[in-house]
Amino acid sequence: MCLAIPGKILVITEQLDDTFRKGKVSFGGITKEINLFMVPEAKVGDYVLVHVGVAINVVDEEEAKQTFNYLKQMGEVEELNE
């Protein structure tokens, strides 16, 4: 099963052009550097779904929070804190 985790873009850290960018994304307080090339429309403050270090879709805040709550209920969030 593939799993995408919602996170909020805090800052764009690298930008070679409009497509090839990296940014710091917060996942409930845990921050990771994520490749943003698949979501060129994403900007600081947006929520994105991230799979294996790549943002694959921009989602609204409500959808991101709902997904994160589902992960908590399933016990998947604890794995992020290790």
N, C-alpha and C. Protein backbone atom coordinates (compact mmCIF):
# COMPACT_ATOMS: atom_id res chain seq x y z
N MET A 1 0.84 -1.18 0.00
CA MET A 1 0.00 0.00 0.00
C MET A 1 0.88 1.24 0.00
N CYS A 2 0.55 2.21 -0.81
CA CYS A 2 1.25 3.49 -0.83
C CYS A 2 0.54 4.44 0.11
N LEU A 3 1.33 5.26 0.78
CA LEU A 3 0.77 6.20 1.73
C LEU A 3 1.35 7.58 1.50
N ALA A 4 0.50 8.56 1.35
CA ALA A 4 0.94 9.95 1.22
C ALA A 4 0.54 10.67 2.50
N ILE A 5 1.46 11.46 3.04
CA ILE A 5 1.27 12.16 4.29
C ILE A 5 1.06 13.65 4.01
N PRO A 6 0.05 14.28 4.63
CA PRO A 6 -0.14 15.72 4.41
C PRO A 6 0.84 16.54 5.24
N GLY A 7 1.33 17.62 4.65
CA GLY A 7 2.22 18.54 5.35
C GLY A 7 2.07 19.94 4.81
N LYS A 8 2.55 20.90 5.59
CA LYS A 8 2.44 22.31 5.23
C LYS A 8 3.80 22.84 4.80
N ILE A 9 3.84 23.49 3.64
CA ILE A 9 5.10 24.07 3.16
C ILE A 9 5.45 25.29 4.00
N LEU A 10 6.62 25.23 4.64
CA LEU A 10 7.08 26.33 5.48
C LEU A 10 7.93 27.33 4.72
N VAL A 11 8.79 26.82 3.84
CA VAL A 11 9.72 27.68 3.10
C VAL A 11 10.20 26.94 1.86
N ILE A 12 10.45 27.69 0.79
CA ILE A 12 11.08 27.13 -0.41
C ILE A 12 12.58 27.28 -0.20
N THR A 13 13.32 26.17 -0.19
CA THR A 13 14.75 26.21 0.12
C THR A 13 15.64 26.27 -1.10
N GLU A 14 15.19 25.71 -2.21
CA GLU A 14 15.95 25.74 -3.47
C GLU A 14 14.99 25.96 -4.61
N GLN A 15 15.41 26.74 -5.60
CA GLN A 15 14.57 26.94 -6.77
C GLN A 15 15.48 27.16 -7.98
N LEU A 16 15.64 26.10 -8.78
CA LEU A 16 16.43 26.20 -10.00
C LEU A 16 15.66 26.94 -11.08
N ASP A 17 14.34 26.71 -11.14
CA ASP A 17 13.45 27.41 -12.07
C ASP A 17 12.03 27.25 -11.53
N ASP A 18 11.02 27.50 -12.34
CA ASP A 18 9.64 27.41 -11.86
C ASP A 18 9.21 25.99 -11.52
N THR A 19 9.89 24.99 -12.06
CA THR A 19 9.51 23.60 -11.85
C THR A 19 10.35 22.90 -10.79
N PHE A 20 11.66 23.02 -10.86
CA PHE A 20 12.54 22.26 -9.98
C PHE A 20 12.82 23.03 -8.70
N ARG A 21 12.06 22.65 -7.64
CA ARG A 21 12.16 23.32 -6.35
C ARG A 21 12.15 22.31 -5.22
N LYS A 22 12.71 22.71 -4.10
CA LYS A 22 12.65 21.95 -2.86
C LYS A 22 12.17 22.88 -1.77
N GLY A 23 11.55 22.31 -0.74
CA GLY A 23 11.07 23.13 0.36
C GLY A 23 11.02 22.34 1.65
N LYS A 24 10.95 23.06 2.75
CA LYS A 24 10.77 22.44 4.07
C LYS A 24 9.28 22.34 4.32
N VAL A 25 8.86 21.13 4.67
CA VAL A 25 7.45 20.83 4.91
C VAL A 25 7.30 20.29 6.32
N SER A 26 6.29 20.79 7.03
CA SER A 26 6.03 20.36 8.40
C SER A 26 4.92 19.31 8.41
N PHE A 27 5.20 18.21 9.10
CA PHE A 27 4.24 17.13 9.29
C PHE A 27 3.92 17.05 10.78
N GLY A 28 3.00 17.86 11.22
CA GLY A 28 2.63 17.85 12.63
C GLY A 28 3.80 18.17 13.55
N GLY A 29 4.67 19.07 13.13
CA GLY A 29 5.81 19.48 13.95
C GLY A 29 7.13 18.88 13.52
N ILE A 30 7.11 17.84 12.71
CA ILE A 30 8.33 17.24 12.18
C ILE A 30 8.59 17.87 10.81
N THR A 31 9.78 18.42 10.61
CA THR A 31 10.09 19.11 9.36
C THR A 31 11.06 18.29 8.51
N LYS A 32 10.73 18.17 7.24
CA LYS A 32 11.57 17.45 6.27
C LYS A 32 11.73 18.28 5.01
N GLU A 33 12.86 18.10 4.31
CA GLU A 33 13.03 18.75 3.01
C GLU A 33 12.39 17.85 1.95
N ILE A 34 11.53 18.45 1.13
CA ILE A 34 10.71 17.72 0.18
C ILE A 34 10.91 18.29 -1.23
N ASN A 35 10.90 17.40 -2.22
CA ASN A 35 10.98 17.82 -3.61
C ASN A 35 9.59 18.29 -4.05
N LEU A 36 9.53 19.47 -4.65
CA LEU A 36 8.25 20.07 -5.06
C LEU A 36 8.04 20.09 -6.57
N PHE A 37 8.83 19.34 -7.33
CA PHE A 37 8.75 19.44 -8.79
C PHE A 37 7.41 19.01 -9.37
N MET A 38 6.67 18.14 -8.68
CA MET A 38 5.38 17.68 -9.22
C MET A 38 4.23 18.64 -8.91
N VAL A 39 4.50 19.65 -8.09
CA VAL A 39 3.46 20.62 -7.74
C VAL A 39 3.99 22.05 -7.94
N PRO A 40 4.23 22.43 -9.20
CA PRO A 40 4.83 23.74 -9.46
C PRO A 40 3.96 24.90 -9.00
N GLU A 41 2.67 24.66 -8.80
CA GLU A 41 1.76 25.71 -8.34
C GLU A 41 1.81 25.92 -6.83
N ALA A 42 2.42 25.00 -6.09
CA ALA A 42 2.46 25.08 -4.63
C ALA A 42 3.31 26.26 -4.16
N LYS A 43 2.84 26.87 -3.07
CA LYS A 43 3.56 28.01 -2.51
C LYS A 43 3.63 27.87 -0.98
N VAL A 44 4.43 28.70 -0.36
CA VAL A 44 4.56 28.68 1.10
C VAL A 44 3.17 28.86 1.71
N GLY A 45 2.88 28.01 2.70
CA GLY A 45 1.57 28.04 3.36
C GLY A 45 0.60 27.01 2.83
N ASP A 46 0.86 26.47 1.63
CA ASP A 46 0.00 25.43 1.06
C ASP A 46 0.24 24.10 1.76
N TYR A 47 -0.79 23.26 1.74
CA TYR A 47 -0.68 21.89 2.22
C TYR A 47 -0.50 20.98 1.01
N VAL A 48 0.40 20.02 1.14
CA VAL A 48 0.67 19.07 0.06
C VAL A 48 0.65 17.65 0.62
N LEU A 49 0.33 16.70 -0.25
CA LEU A 49 0.46 15.28 0.08
C LEU A 49 1.83 14.85 -0.38
N VAL A 50 2.57 14.18 0.51
CA VAL A 50 3.94 13.80 0.23
C VAL A 50 4.08 12.28 0.28
N HIS A 51 4.70 11.74 -0.76
CA HIS A 51 4.98 10.31 -0.84
C HIS A 51 6.47 10.14 -1.16
N VAL A 52 7.17 9.41 -0.33
CA VAL A 52 8.61 9.14 -0.46
C VAL A 52 9.43 10.39 -0.80
N GLY A 53 9.17 11.48 -0.09
CA GLY A 53 9.97 12.68 -0.24
C GLY A 53 9.60 13.59 -1.39
N VAL A 54 8.48 13.30 -2.05
CA VAL A 54 8.03 14.11 -3.19
C VAL A 54 6.58 14.55 -2.94
N ALA A 55 6.33 15.85 -3.04
CA ALA A 55 4.96 16.35 -2.96
C ALA A 55 4.24 15.96 -4.25
N ILE A 56 3.11 15.29 -4.12
CA ILE A 56 2.41 14.78 -5.30
C ILE A 56 1.11 15.51 -5.60
N ASN A 57 0.62 16.31 -4.64
CA ASN A 57 -0.64 17.01 -4.85
C ASN A 57 -0.80 18.12 -3.83
N VAL A 58 -1.42 19.21 -4.24
CA VAL A 58 -1.78 20.28 -3.31
C VAL A 58 -3.19 19.98 -2.82
N VAL A 59 -3.40 20.10 -1.50
CA VAL A 59 -4.73 19.86 -0.92
C VAL A 59 -5.10 21.05 -0.04
N ASP A 60 -6.39 21.20 0.22
CA ASP A 60 -6.78 22.30 1.10
C ASP A 60 -6.51 21.91 2.55
N GLU A 61 -6.49 22.90 3.41
CA GLU A 61 -6.14 22.70 4.82
C GLU A 61 -7.07 21.70 5.50
N GLU A 62 -8.35 21.79 5.24
CA GLU A 62 -9.31 20.89 5.86
C GLU A 62 -9.04 19.43 5.48
N GLU A 63 -8.80 19.18 4.19
CA GLU A 63 -8.49 17.82 3.74
C GLU A 63 -7.20 17.31 4.39
N ALA A 64 -6.19 18.17 4.49
CA ALA A 64 -4.93 17.79 5.11
C ALA A 64 -5.13 17.40 6.57
N LYS A 65 -5.88 18.21 7.30
CA LYS A 65 -6.13 17.92 8.72
C LYS A 65 -6.94 16.64 8.89
N GLN A 66 -7.93 16.45 8.02
CA GLN A 66 -8.74 15.24 8.09
C GLN A 66 -7.88 14.00 7.83
N THR A 67 -7.02 14.06 6.83
CA THR A 67 -6.13 12.93 6.51
C THR A 67 -5.19 12.66 7.67
N PHE A 68 -4.61 13.72 8.26
CA PHE A 68 -3.70 13.55 9.39
C PHE A 68 -4.44 12.92 10.57
N ASN A 69 -5.70 13.30 10.81
CA ASN A 69 -6.48 12.70 11.89
C ASN A 69 -6.74 11.22 11.64
N TYR A 70 -7.02 10.86 10.38
CA TYR A 70 -7.19 9.44 10.04
C TYR A 70 -5.92 8.65 10.35
N LEU A 71 -4.78 9.23 10.01
CA LEU A 71 -3.50 8.56 10.27
C LEU A 71 -3.28 8.37 11.77
N LYS A 72 -3.66 9.37 12.56
CA LYS A 72 -3.56 9.26 14.02
C LYS A 72 -4.42 8.11 14.52
N GLN A 73 -5.66 8.04 14.02
CA GLN A 73 -6.59 6.99 14.44
C GLN A 73 -6.06 5.60 14.08
N MET A 74 -5.36 5.51 12.95
CA MET A 74 -4.81 4.22 12.51
C MET A 74 -3.51 3.88 13.22
N GLY A 75 -2.97 4.83 14.00
CA GLY A 75 -1.72 4.58 14.69
C GLY A 75 -0.50 4.79 13.83
N GLU A 76 -0.65 5.45 12.68
CA GLU A 76 0.47 5.66 11.75
C GLU A 76 1.32 6.86 12.14
N VAL A 77 0.78 7.81 12.85
CA VAL A 77 1.51 9.03 13.18
C VAL A 77 2.67 8.76 14.12
N GLU A 78 2.53 7.80 15.02
CA GLU A 78 3.62 7.48 15.94
C GLU A 78 4.90 7.12 15.20
N GLU A 79 4.77 6.47 14.03
CA GLU A 79 5.94 6.11 13.24
C GLU A 79 6.69 7.35 12.76
N LEU A 80 5.98 8.45 12.53
CA LEU A 80 6.62 9.69 12.10
C LEU A 80 7.46 10.31 13.19
N ASN A 81 7.14 10.04 14.44
CA ASN A 81 7.82 10.66 15.57
C ASN A 81 9.10 9.93 15.96
N GLU A 82 9.41 8.82 15.37
CA GLU A 82 10.61 8.06 15.73
C GLU A 82 11.84 8.58 15.03
